[in-house]
Amino acid sequence: MQGGEHPAIRTVPAGRFLFRQAEEGTSVAAILDGNFDVRVNGKVVGQVEPGAVVGERASLETGRRTADLCALTEGRVAEAAPGTLSVEQLGELARGHHRETAPLAN
């Protein structure tokens, strides 16, 4: 992270949303604990788990969230403002995280 800023750590209770589709993308988050459904237009299209970085696409594309992220279990995330990451870092994260097109694991 640039500027030495530390991310905010927060807990997301099961059943609550970390991000909502179409809302303004004001942060990037690393999933520390828990599992989250990825939903596009209300349909589950994937899942993310600890180690995933989410929210970077809004910073690089339209400025709006491309999916809902709903906690399946209680989760903890580290959130940072997009400006704390360089465009190159955001681009690298985005290349590895196209969850809307990834098939669900059964």
PDB file of N, CA and C in Angstrom:
ATOM      1  N   MET A   1       0.837  -1.180   0.000  1.00  0.00           N
ATOM      2  CA  MET A   1       0.000   0.000   0.000  1.00  0.00           C
ATOM      3  C   MET A   1       0.879   1.239   0.000  1.00  0.00           C
ATOM      4  N   GLN A   2       0.398   2.260  -0.650  1.00  0.00           N
ATOM      5  CA  GLN A   2       1.155   3.490  -0.746  1.00  0.00           C
ATOM      6  C   GLN A   2       0.852   4.377   0.455  1.00  0.00           C
ATOM      7  N   GLY A   3       1.815   5.205   0.859  1.00  0.00           N
ATOM      8  CA  GLY A   3       1.589   6.179   1.902  1.00  0.00           C
ATOM      9  C   GLY A   3       1.552   5.611   3.296  1.00  0.00           C
ATOM     10  N   GLY A   4       1.793   4.330   3.456  1.00  0.00           N
ATOM     11  CA  GLY A   4       1.837   3.726   4.773  1.00  0.00           C
ATOM     12  C   GLY A   4       0.491   3.634   5.479  1.00  0.00           C
ATOM     13  N   GLU A   5      -0.626   3.850   4.778  1.00  0.00           N
ATOM     14  CA  GLU A   5      -1.928   3.740   5.405  1.00  0.00           C
ATOM     15  C   GLU A   5      -2.251   2.276   5.679  1.00  0.00           C
ATOM     16  N   HIS A   6      -2.902   2.038   6.817  1.00  0.00           N
ATOM     17  CA  HIS A   6      -3.299   0.680   7.163  1.00  0.00           C
ATOM     18  C   HIS A   6      -4.761   0.469   6.805  1.00  0.00           C
ATOM     19  N   PRO A   7      -5.102  -0.719   6.310  1.00  0.00           N
ATOM     20  CA  PRO A   7      -6.503  -0.981   5.993  1.00  0.00           C
ATOM     21  C   PRO A   7      -7.341  -1.077   7.267  1.00  0.00           C
ATOM     22  N   ALA A   8      -8.613  -0.784   7.144  1.00  0.00           N
ATOM     23  CA  ALA A   8      -9.557  -0.947   8.255  1.00  0.00           C
ATOM     24  C   ALA A   8     -10.006  -2.405   8.284  1.00  0.00           C
ATOM     25  N   ILE A   9     -10.014  -3.001   9.460  1.00  0.00           N
ATOM     26  CA  ILE A   9     -10.471  -4.381   9.622  1.00  0.00           C
ATOM     27  C   ILE A   9     -11.899  -4.324  10.143  1.00  0.00           C
ATOM     28  N   ARG A  10     -12.800  -5.056   9.467  1.00  0.00           N
ATOM     29  CA  ARG A  10     -14.176  -5.093   9.958  1.00  0.00           C
ATOM     30  C   ARG A  10     -14.758  -6.482   9.815  1.00  0.00           C
ATOM     31  N   THR A  11     -15.769  -6.741  10.637  1.00  0.00           N
ATOM     32  CA  THR A  11     -16.469  -8.019  10.632  1.00  0.00           C
ATOM     33  C   THR A  11     -17.772  -7.865   9.853  1.00  0.00           C
ATOM     34  N   VAL A  12     -18.066  -8.870   9.033  1.00  0.00           N
ATOM     35  CA  VAL A  12     -19.315  -8.894   8.262  1.00  0.00           C
ATOM     36  C   VAL A  12     -20.102 -10.113   8.748  1.00  0.00           C
ATOM     37  N   PRO A  13     -21.232  -9.897   9.428  1.00  0.00           N
ATOM     38  CA  PRO A  13     -22.028 -11.033   9.921  1.00  0.00           C
ATOM     39  C   PRO A  13     -22.579 -11.881   8.771  1.00  0.00           C
ATOM     40  N   ALA A  14     -22.796 -13.156   9.035  1.00  0.00           N
ATOM     41  CA  ALA A  14     -23.407 -14.045   8.036  1.00  0.00           C
ATOM     42  C   ALA A  14     -24.725 -13.449   7.570  1.00  0.00           C
ATOM     43  N   GLY A  15     -24.965 -13.484   6.259  1.00  0.00           N
ATOM     44  CA  GLY A  15     -26.188 -12.969   5.675  1.00  0.00           C
ATOM     45  C   GLY A  15     -26.136 -11.490   5.312  1.00  0.00           C
ATOM     46  N   ARG A  16     -25.079 -10.795   5.708  1.00  0.00           N
ATOM     47  CA  ARG A  16     -24.937  -9.372   5.390  1.00  0.00           C
ATOM     48  C   ARG A  16     -24.064  -9.201   4.154  1.00  0.00           C
ATOM     49  N   PHE A  17     -24.213  -8.061   3.508  1.00  0.00           N
ATOM     50  CA  PHE A  17     -23.482  -7.781   2.282  1.00  0.00           C
ATOM     51  C   PHE A  17     -22.228  -6.960   2.567  1.00  0.00           C
ATOM     52  N   LEU A  18     -21.133  -7.379   1.975  1.00  0.00           N
ATOM     53  CA  LEU A  18     -19.910  -6.576   1.988  1.00  0.00           C
ATOM     54  C   LEU A  18     -20.042  -5.491   0.927  1.00  0.00           C
ATOM     55  N   PHE A  19     -20.468  -5.871  -0.277  1.00  0.00           N
ATOM     56  CA  PHE A  19     -20.682  -4.948  -1.384  1.00  0.00           C
ATOM     57  C   PHE A  19     -22.033  -5.252  -2.013  1.00  0.00           C
ATOM     58  N   ARG A  20     -22.638  -4.220  -2.607  1.00  0.00           N
ATOM     59  CA  ARG A  20     -23.878  -4.387  -3.358  1.00  0.00           C
ATOM     60  C   ARG A  20     -23.645  -3.975  -4.801  1.00  0.00           C
ATOM     61  N   GLN A  21     -24.158  -4.771  -5.716  1.00  0.00           N
ATOM     62  CA  GLN A  21     -24.023  -4.490  -7.144  1.00  0.00           C
ATOM     63  C   GLN A  21     -24.554  -3.093  -7.452  1.00  0.00           C
ATOM     64  N   ALA A  22     -23.815  -2.366  -8.276  1.00  0.00           N
ATOM     65  CA  ALA A  22     -24.152  -1.032  -8.772  1.00  0.00           C
ATOM     66  C   ALA A  22     -23.868   0.095  -7.779  1.00  0.00           C
ATOM     67  N   GLU A  23     -23.524  -0.215  -6.511  1.00  0.00           N
ATOM     68  CA  GLU A  23     -23.181   0.873  -5.603  1.00  0.00           C
ATOM     69  C   GLU A  23     -21.808   1.427  -5.977  1.00  0.00           C
ATOM     70  N   GLU A  24     -21.516   2.627  -5.523  1.00  0.00           N
ATOM     71  CA  GLU A  24     -20.227   3.232  -5.800  1.00  0.00           C
ATOM     72  C   GLU A  24     -19.130   2.412  -5.128  1.00  0.00           C
ATOM     73  N   GLY A  25     -18.063   2.163  -5.869  1.00  0.00           N
ATOM     74  CA  GLY A  25     -16.935   1.398  -5.337  1.00  0.00           C
ATOM     75  C   GLY A  25     -15.975   2.305  -4.594  1.00  0.00           C
ATOM     76  N   THR A  26     -16.065   2.312  -3.279  1.00  0.00           N
ATOM     77  CA  THR A  26     -15.237   3.218  -2.474  1.00  0.00           C
ATOM     78  C   THR A  26     -14.111   2.510  -1.734  1.00  0.00           C
ATOM     79  N   SER A  27     -14.003   1.184  -1.911  1.00  0.00           N
ATOM     80  CA  SER A  27     -12.932   0.458  -1.229  1.00  0.00           C
ATOM     81  C   SER A  27     -12.586  -0.824  -1.979  1.00  0.00           C
ATOM     82  N   VAL A  28     -11.418  -1.329  -1.655  1.00  0.00           N
ATOM     83  CA  VAL A  28     -10.938  -2.635  -2.095  1.00  0.00           C
ATOM     84  C   VAL A  28     -10.789  -3.440  -0.816  1.00  0.00           C
ATOM     85  N   ALA A  29     -11.139  -4.724  -0.828  1.00  0.00           N
ATOM     86  CA  ALA A  29     -11.092  -5.519   0.392  1.00  0.00           C
ATOM     87  C   ALA A  29     -10.357  -6.837   0.175  1.00  0.00           C
ATOM     88  N   ALA A  30      -9.618  -7.243   1.194  1.00  0.00           N
ATOM     89  CA  ALA A  30      -9.008  -8.570   1.239  1.00  0.00           C
ATOM     90  C   ALA A  30      -9.825  -9.392   2.225  1.00  0.00           C
ATOM     91  N   ILE A  31     -10.246 -10.569   1.797  1.00  0.00           N
ATOM     92  CA  ILE A  31     -11.018 -11.453   2.674  1.00  0.00           C
ATOM     93  C   ILE A  31     -10.028 -12.132   3.616  1.00  0.00           C
ATOM     94  N   LEU A  32     -10.201 -11.910   4.913  1.00  0.00           N
ATOM     95  CA  LEU A  32      -9.319 -12.506   5.916  1.00  0.00           C
ATOM     96  C   LEU A  32      -9.891 -13.811   6.463  1.00  0.00           C
ATOM     97  N   ASP A  33     -11.198 -13.826   6.720  1.00  0.00           N
ATOM     98  CA  ASP A  33     -11.898 -14.999   7.251  1.00  0.00           C
ATOM     99  C   ASP A  33     -13.280 -15.038   6.653  1.00  0.00           C
ATOM    100  N   GLY A  34     -13.836 -16.232   6.508  1.00  0.00           N
ATOM    101  CA  GLY A  34     -15.209 -16.381   6.055  1.00  0.00           C
ATOM    102  C   GLY A  34     -15.311 -16.654   4.569  1.00  0.00           C
ATOM    103  N   ASN A  35     -16.524 -16.971   4.158  1.00  0.00           N
ATOM    104  CA  ASN A  35     -16.829 -17.266   2.759  1.00  0.00           C
ATOM    105  C   ASN A  35     -17.971 -16.365   2.309  1.00  0.00           C
ATOM    106  N   PHE A  36     -17.890 -15.917   1.052  1.00  0.00           N
ATOM    107  CA  PHE A  36     -18.861 -14.978   0.503  1.00  0.00           C
ATOM    108  C   PHE A  36     -19.369 -15.474  -0.841  1.00  0.00           C
ATOM    109  N   ASP A  37     -20.701 -15.381  -1.042  1.00  0.00           N
ATOM    110  CA  ASP A  37     -21.283 -15.617  -2.362  1.00  0.00           C
ATOM    111  C   ASP A  37     -21.055 -14.390  -3.221  1.00  0.00           C
ATOM    112  N   VAL A  38     -20.787 -14.617  -4.503  1.00  0.00           N
ATOM    113  CA  VAL A  38     -20.726 -13.548  -5.493  1.00  0.00           C
ATOM    114  C   VAL A  38     -22.008 -13.669  -6.298  1.00  0.00           C
ATOM    115  N   ARG A  39     -22.812 -12.593  -6.320  1.00  0.00           N
ATOM    116  CA  ARG A  39     -24.101 -12.607  -7.009  1.00  0.00           C
ATOM    117  C   ARG A  39     -24.149 -11.496  -8.049  1.00  0.00           C
ATOM    118  N   VAL A  40     -24.573 -11.847  -9.245  1.00  0.00           N
ATOM    119  CA  VAL A  40     -24.777 -10.866 -10.307  1.00  0.00           C
ATOM    120  C   VAL A  40     -26.251 -10.928 -10.684  1.00  0.00           C
ATOM    121  N   ASN A  41     -26.908  -9.797 -10.593  1.00  0.00           N
ATOM    122  CA  ASN A  41     -28.348  -9.719 -10.869  1.00  0.00           C
ATOM    123  C   ASN A  41     -29.128 -10.743 -10.051  1.00  0.00           C
ATOM    124  N   GLY A  42     -28.709 -10.945  -8.799  1.00  0.00           N
ATOM    125  CA  GLY A  42     -29.393 -11.847  -7.881  1.00  0.00           C
ATOM    126  C   GLY A  42     -29.028 -13.311  -8.005  1.00  0.00           C
ATOM    127  N   LYS A  43     -28.238 -13.678  -9.012  1.00  0.00           N
ATOM    128  CA  LYS A  43     -27.867 -15.082  -9.235  1.00  0.00           C
ATOM    129  C   LYS A  43     -26.459 -15.337  -8.704  1.00  0.00           C
ATOM    130  N   VAL A  44     -26.290 -16.418  -7.925  1.00  0.00           N
ATOM    131  CA  VAL A  44     -24.970 -16.783  -7.418  1.00  0.00           C
ATOM    132  C   VAL A  44     -24.122 -17.271  -8.584  1.00  0.00           C
ATOM    133  N   VAL A  45     -22.977 -16.611  -8.798  1.00  0.00           N
ATOM    134  CA  VAL A  45     -22.096 -16.964  -9.914  1.00  0.00           C
ATOM    135  C   VAL A  45     -20.731 -17.447  -9.444  1.00  0.00           C
ATOM    136  N   GLY A  46     -20.491 -17.413  -8.144  1.00  0.00           N
ATOM    137  CA  GLY A  46     -19.203 -17.853  -7.616  1.00  0.00           C
ATOM    138  C   GLY A  46     -19.137 -17.631  -6.132  1.00  0.00           C
ATOM    139  N   GLN A  47     -17.984 -17.969  -5.574  1.00  0.00           N
ATOM    140  CA  GLN A  47     -17.728 -17.746  -4.158  1.00  0.00           C
ATOM    141  C   GLN A  47     -16.297 -17.263  -3.988  1.00  0.00           C
ATOM    142  N   VAL A  48     -16.084 -16.476  -2.948  1.00  0.00           N
ATOM    143  CA  VAL A  48     -14.730 -16.066  -2.580  1.00  0.00           C
ATOM    144  C   VAL A  48     -14.493 -16.467  -1.138  1.00  0.00           C
ATOM    145  N   GLU A  49     -13.240 -16.711  -0.840  1.00  0.00           N
ATOM    146  CA  GLU A  49     -12.853 -17.180   0.491  1.00  0.00           C
ATOM    147  C   GLU A  49     -11.585 -16.468   0.924  1.00  0.00           C
ATOM    148  N   PRO A  50     -11.088 -16.788   2.116  1.00  0.00           N
ATOM    149  CA  PRO A  50      -9.896 -16.081   2.612  1.00  0.00           C
ATOM    150  C   PRO A  50      -8.755 -16.082   1.595  1.00  0.00           C
ATOM    151  N   GLY A  51      -8.137 -14.904   1.490  1.00  0.00           N
ATOM    152  CA  GLY A  51      -7.040 -14.708   0.550  1.00  0.00           C
ATOM    153  C   GLY A  51      -7.450 -13.957  -0.700  1.00  0.00           C
ATOM    154  N   ALA A  52      -8.759 -13.918  -0.986  1.00  0.00           N
ATOM    155  CA  ALA A  52      -9.239 -13.211  -2.173  1.00  0.00           C
ATOM    156  C   ALA A  52      -9.223 -11.706  -1.939  1.00  0.00           C
ATOM    157  N   VAL A  53      -8.942 -10.963  -2.993  1.00  0.00           N
ATOM    158  CA  VAL A  53      -9.036  -9.500  -2.977  1.00  0.00           C
ATOM    159  C   VAL A  53     -10.196  -9.144  -3.885  1.00  0.00           C
ATOM    160  N   VAL A  54     -11.122  -8.321  -3.368  1.00  0.00           N
ATOM    161  CA  VAL A  54     -12.348  -7.995  -4.093  1.00  0.00           C
ATOM    162  C   VAL A  54     -12.566  -6.484  -4.117  1.00  0.00           C
ATOM    163  N   GLY A  55     -13.300  -6.045  -5.119  1.00  0.00           N
ATOM    164  CA  GLY A  55     -13.655  -4.634  -5.206  1.00  0.00           C
ATOM    165  C   GLY A  55     -12.774  -3.809  -6.108  1.00  0.00           C
ATOM    166  N   GLU A  56     -11.738  -4.426  -6.674  1.00  0.00           N
ATOM    167  CA  GLU A  56     -10.790  -3.670  -7.499  1.00  0.00           C
ATOM    168  C   GLU A  56     -11.363  -3.298  -8.858  1.00  0.00           C
ATOM    169  N   ARG A  57     -12.301  -4.078  -9.366  1.00  0.00           N
ATOM    170  CA  ARG A  57     -12.838  -3.795 -10.705  1.00  0.00           C
ATOM    171  C   ARG A  57     -13.591  -2.476 -10.755  1.00  0.00           C
ATOM    172  N   ALA A  58     -14.300  -2.136  -9.700  1.00  0.00           N
ATOM    173  CA  ALA A  58     -15.035  -0.860  -9.686  1.00  0.00           C
ATOM    174  C   ALA A  58     -14.069   0.309  -9.829  1.00  0.00           C
ATOM    175  N   SER A  59     -12.903   0.185  -9.234  1.00  0.00           N
ATOM    176  CA  SER A  59     -11.909   1.253  -9.314  1.00  0.00           C
ATOM    177  C   SER A  59     -11.329   1.397 -10.709  1.00  0.00           C
ATOM    178  N   LEU A  60     -11.285   0.299 -11.438  1.00  0.00           N
ATOM    179  CA  LEU A  60     -10.673   0.306 -12.764  1.00  0.00           C
ATOM    180  C   LEU A  60     -11.669   0.513 -13.897  1.00  0.00           C
ATOM    181  N   GLU A  61     -12.927   0.178 -13.662  1.00  0.00           N
ATOM    182  CA  GLU A  61     -13.900   0.200 -14.750  1.00  0.00           C
ATOM    183  C   GLU A  61     -14.886   1.353 -14.585  1.00  0.00           C
ATOM    184  N   THR A  62     -16.102   1.081 -14.191  1.00  0.00           N
ATOM    185  CA  THR A  62     -17.163   2.093 -14.193  1.00  0.00           C
ATOM    186  C   THR A  62     -17.266   2.898 -12.913  1.00  0.00           C
ATOM    187  N   GLY A  63     -16.547   2.491 -11.868  1.00  0.00           N
ATOM    188  CA  GLY A  63     -16.690   3.144 -10.571  1.00  0.00           C
ATOM    189  C   GLY A  63     -17.826   2.561  -9.750  1.00  0.00           C
ATOM    190  N   ARG A  64     -18.526   1.576 -10.314  1.00  0.00           N
ATOM    191  CA  ARG A  64     -19.652   0.914  -9.641  1.00  0.00           C
ATOM    192  C   ARG A  64     -19.326  -0.562  -9.434  1.00  0.00           C
ATOM    193  N   ARG A  65     -19.875  -1.131  -8.384  1.00  0.00           N
ATOM    194  CA  ARG A  65     -19.681  -2.556  -8.096  1.00  0.00           C
ATOM    195  C   ARG A  65     -20.320  -3.399  -9.188  1.00  0.00           C
ATOM    196  N   THR A  66     -19.634  -4.463  -9.580  1.00  0.00           N
ATOM    197  CA  THR A  66     -20.136  -5.344 -10.635  1.00  0.00           C
ATOM    198  C   THR A  66     -20.911  -6.533 -10.079  1.00  0.00           C
ATOM    199  N   ALA A  67     -20.908  -6.708  -8.748  1.00  0.00           N
ATOM    200  CA  ALA A  67     -21.584  -7.851  -8.133  1.00  0.00           C
ATOM    201  C   ALA A  67     -21.879  -7.556  -6.669  1.00  0.00           C
ATOM    202  N   ASP A  68     -22.817  -8.336  -6.117  1.00  0.00           N
ATOM    203  CA  ASP A  68     -23.044  -8.366  -4.671  1.00  0.00           C
ATOM    204  C   ASP A  68     -22.049  -9.348  -4.072  1.00  0.00           C
ATOM    205  N   LEU A  69     -21.592  -9.076  -2.869  1.00  0.00           N
ATOM    206  CA  LEU A  69     -20.839 -10.048  -2.082  1.00  0.00           C
ATOM    207  C   LEU A  69     -21.570 -10.213  -0.769  1.00  0.00           C
ATOM    208  N   CYS A  70     -22.101 -11.403  -0.535  1.00  0.00           N
ATOM    209  CA  CYS A  70     -22.896 -11.691   0.655  1.00  0.00           C
ATOM    210  C   CYS A  70     -22.182 -12.740   1.498  1.00  0.00           C
ATOM    211  N   ALA A  71     -22.022 -12.456   2.786  1.00  0.00           N
ATOM    212  CA  ALA A  71     -21.317 -13.374   3.681  1.00  0.00           C
ATOM    213  C   ALA A  71     -22.140 -14.633   3.919  1.00  0.00           C
ATOM    214  N   LEU A  72     -21.560 -15.774   3.625  1.00  0.00           N
ATOM    215  CA  LEU A  72     -22.191 -17.062   3.933  1.00  0.00           C
ATOM    216  C   LEU A  72     -21.958 -17.418   5.395  1.00  0.00           C
ATOM    217  N   THR A  73     -20.807 -17.033   5.903  1.00  0.00           N
ATOM    218  CA  THR A  73     -20.423 -17.223   7.295  1.00  0.00           C
ATOM    219  C   THR A  73     -19.942 -15.871   7.800  1.00  0.00           C
ATOM    220  N   GLU A  74     -19.822 -15.727   9.104  1.00  0.00           N
ATOM    221  CA  GLU A  74     -19.232 -14.480   9.595  1.00  0.00           C
ATOM    222  C   GLU A  74     -17.846 -14.347   8.976  1.00  0.00           C
ATOM    223  N   GLY A  75     -17.523 -13.158   8.525  1.00  0.00           N
ATOM    224  CA  GLY A  75     -16.240 -12.928   7.879  1.00  0.00           C
ATOM    225  C   GLY A  75     -15.550 -11.694   8.410  1.00  0.00           C
ATOM    226  N   ARG A  76     -14.253 -11.643   8.194  1.00  0.00           N
ATOM    227  CA  ARG A  76     -13.473 -10.443   8.506  1.00  0.00           C
ATOM    228  C   ARG A  76     -12.779 -10.025   7.230  1.00  0.00           C
ATOM    229  N   VAL A  77     -12.777  -8.719   6.990  1.00  0.00           N
ATOM    230  CA  VAL A  77     -12.138  -8.177   5.799  1.00  0.00           C
ATOM    231  C   VAL A  77     -11.248  -7.004   6.181  1.00  0.00           C
ATOM    232  N   ALA A  78     -10.225  -6.799   5.372  1.00  0.00           N
ATOM    233  CA  ALA A  78      -9.370  -5.620   5.484  1.00  0.00           C
ATOM    234  C   ALA A  78      -9.716  -4.735   4.303  1.00  0.00           C
ATOM    235  N   GLU A  79     -10.222  -3.529   4.565  1.00  0.00           N
ATOM    236  CA  GLU A  79     -10.646  -2.618   3.502  1.00  0.00           C
ATOM    237  C   GLU A  79      -9.728  -1.419   3.416  1.00  0.00           C
ATOM    238  N   ALA A  80      -9.461  -1.026   2.184  1.00  0.00           N
ATOM    239  CA  ALA A  80      -8.629   0.152   1.938  1.00  0.00           C
ATOM    240  C   ALA A  80      -9.241   0.960   0.802  1.00  0.00           C
ATOM    241  N   ALA A  81      -9.015   2.257   0.838  1.00  0.00           N
ATOM    242  CA  ALA A  81      -9.464   3.116  -0.256  1.00  0.00           C
ATOM    243  C   ALA A  81      -8.685   2.755  -1.509  1.00  0.00           C
ATOM    244  N   PRO A  82      -9.332   2.767  -2.674  1.00  0.00           N
ATOM    245  CA  PRO A  82      -8.636   2.415  -3.911  1.00  0.00           C
ATOM    246  C   PRO A  82      -7.386   3.256  -4.154  1.00  0.00           C
ATOM    247  N   GLY A  83      -7.372   4.496  -3.730  1.00  0.00           N
ATOM    248  CA  GLY A  83      -6.223   5.372  -3.942  1.00  0.00           C
ATOM    249  C   GLY A  83      -4.966   4.938  -3.221  1.00  0.00           C
ATOM    250  N   THR A  84      -5.095   3.997  -2.280  1.00  0.00           N
ATOM    251  CA  THR A  84      -3.916   3.512  -1.572  1.00  0.00           C
ATOM    252  C   THR A  84      -3.174   2.451  -2.365  1.00  0.00           C
ATOM    253  N   LEU A  85      -3.781   2.006  -3.481  1.00  0.00           N
ATOM    254  CA  LEU A  85      -3.142   1.048  -4.377  1.00  0.00           C
ATOM    255  C   LEU A  85      -2.889   1.743  -5.705  1.00  0.00           C
ATOM    256  N   SER A  86      -1.773   1.427  -6.336  1.00  0.00           N
ATOM    257  CA  SER A  86      -1.457   2.020  -7.635  1.00  0.00           C
ATOM    258  C   SER A  86      -2.338   1.404  -8.720  1.00  0.00           C
ATOM    259  N   VAL A  87      -2.446   2.069  -9.851  1.00  0.00           N
ATOM    260  CA  VAL A  87      -3.200   1.539 -10.988  1.00  0.00           C
ATOM    261  C   VAL A  87      -2.626   0.189 -11.403  1.00  0.00           C
ATOM    262  N   GLU A  88      -1.314   0.051 -11.369  1.00  0.00           N
ATOM    263  CA  GLU A  88      -0.677  -1.225 -11.731  1.00  0.00           C
ATOM    264  C   GLU A  88      -1.081  -2.326 -10.762  1.00  0.00           C
ATOM    265  N   GLN A  89      -1.109  -2.024  -9.452  1.00  0.00           N
ATOM    266  CA  GLN A  89      -1.510  -3.020  -8.467  1.00  0.00           C
ATOM    267  C   GLN A  89      -2.973  -3.407  -8.657  1.00  0.00           C
ATOM    268  N   LEU A  90      -3.841  -2.429  -8.878  1.00  0.00           N
ATOM    269  CA  LEU A  90      -5.252  -2.720  -9.122  1.00  0.00           C
ATOM    270  C   LEU A  90      -5.430  -3.574 -10.369  1.00  0.00           C
ATOM    271  N   GLY A  91      -4.705  -3.253 -11.429  1.00  0.00           N
ATOM    272  CA  GLY A  91      -4.784  -4.026 -12.663  1.00  0.00           C
ATOM    273  C   GLY A  91      -4.359  -5.464 -12.456  1.00  0.00           C
ATOM    274  N   GLU A  92      -3.298  -5.661 -11.697  1.00  0.00           N
ATOM    275  CA  GLU A  92      -2.819  -7.011 -11.409  1.00  0.00           C
ATOM    276  C   GLU A  92      -3.871  -7.796 -10.624  1.00  0.00           C
ATOM    277  N   LEU A  93      -4.496  -7.153  -9.646  1.00  0.00           N
ATOM    278  CA  LEU A  93      -5.550  -7.806  -8.878  1.00  0.00           C
ATOM    279  C   LEU A  93      -6.733  -8.157  -9.769  1.00  0.00           C
ATOM    280  N   ALA A  94      -7.133  -7.237 -10.632  1.00  0.00           N
ATOM    281  CA  ALA A  94      -8.296  -7.448 -11.489  1.00  0.00           C
ATOM    282  C   ALA A  94      -8.087  -8.607 -12.449  1.00  0.00           C
ATOM    283  N   ARG A  95      -6.881  -8.769 -12.971  1.00  0.00           N
ATOM    284  CA  ARG A  95      -6.617  -9.866 -13.918  1.00  0.00           C
ATOM    285  C   ARG A  95      -6.869 -11.222 -13.279  1.00  0.00           C
ATOM    286  N   GLY A  96      -6.688 -11.334 -11.978  1.00  0.00           N
ATOM    287  CA  GLY A  96      -6.877 -12.613 -11.303  1.00  0.00           C
ATOM    288  C   GLY A  96      -8.235 -12.801 -10.681  1.00  0.00           C
ATOM    289  N   HIS A  97      -9.131 -11.820 -10.797  1.00  0.00           N
ATOM    290  CA  HIS A  97     -10.391 -11.906 -10.075  1.00  0.00           C
ATOM    291  C   HIS A  97     -11.580 -11.557 -10.949  1.00  0.00           C
ATOM    292  N   HIS A  98     -11.911 -12.423 -11.877  1.00  0.00           N
ATOM    293  CA  HIS A  98     -13.113 -12.251 -12.688  1.00  0.00           C
ATOM    294  C   HIS A  98     -14.109 -13.298 -12.244  1.00  0.00           C
ATOM    295  N   ARG A  99     -14.601 -13.153 -11.009  1.00  0.00           N
ATOM    296  CA  ARG A  99     -15.482 -14.152 -10.391  1.00  0.00           C
ATOM    297  C   ARG A  99     -16.795 -14.312 -11.134  1.00  0.00           C
ATOM    298  N   GLU A 100     -17.283 -13.268 -11.804  1.00  0.00           N
ATOM    299  CA  GLU A 100     -18.567 -13.378 -12.478  1.00  0.00           C
ATOM    300  C   GLU A 100     -18.530 -14.395 -13.604  1.00  0.00           C
ATOM    301  N   THR A 101     -17.354 -14.684 -14.143  1.00  0.00           N
ATOM    302  CA  THR A 101     -17.265 -15.618 -15.249  1.00  0.00           C
ATOM    303  C   THR A 101     -16.714 -16.983 -14.825  1.00  0.00           C
ATOM    304  N   ALA A 102     -16.335 -17.115 -13.534  1.00  0.00           N
ATOM    305  CA  ALA A 102     -15.796 -18.387 -13.044  1.00  0.00           C
ATOM    306  C   ALA A 102     -16.943 -19.317 -12.665  1.00  0.00           C
ATOM    307  N   PRO A 103     -16.861 -20.597 -13.061  1.00  0.00           N
ATOM    308  CA  PRO A 103     -17.926 -21.531 -12.696  1.00  0.00           C
ATOM    309  C   PRO A 103     -17.894 -21.835 -11.208  1.00  0.00           C
ATOM    310  N   LEU A 104     -19.052 -22.166 -10.650  1.00  0.00           N
ATOM    311  CA  LEU A 104     -19.136 -22.577  -9.255  1.00  0.00           C
ATOM    312  C   LEU A 104     -18.502 -23.941  -9.072  1.00  0.00           C
ATOM    313  N   ALA A 105     -17.782 -24.108  -7.968  1.00  0.00           N
ATOM    314  CA  ALA A 105     -17.235 -25.428  -7.627  1.00  0.00           C
ATOM    315  C   ALA A 105     -18.329 -26.218  -6.930  1.00  0.00           C
ATOM    316  N   ASN A 106     -18.479 -27.470  -7.303  1.00  0.00           N
ATOM    317  CA  ASN A 106     -19.499 -28.316  -6.665  1.00  0.00           C
ATOM    318  C   ASN A 106     -18.873 -29.258  -5.690  1.00  0.00           C
TER     319      ASN A 106
END
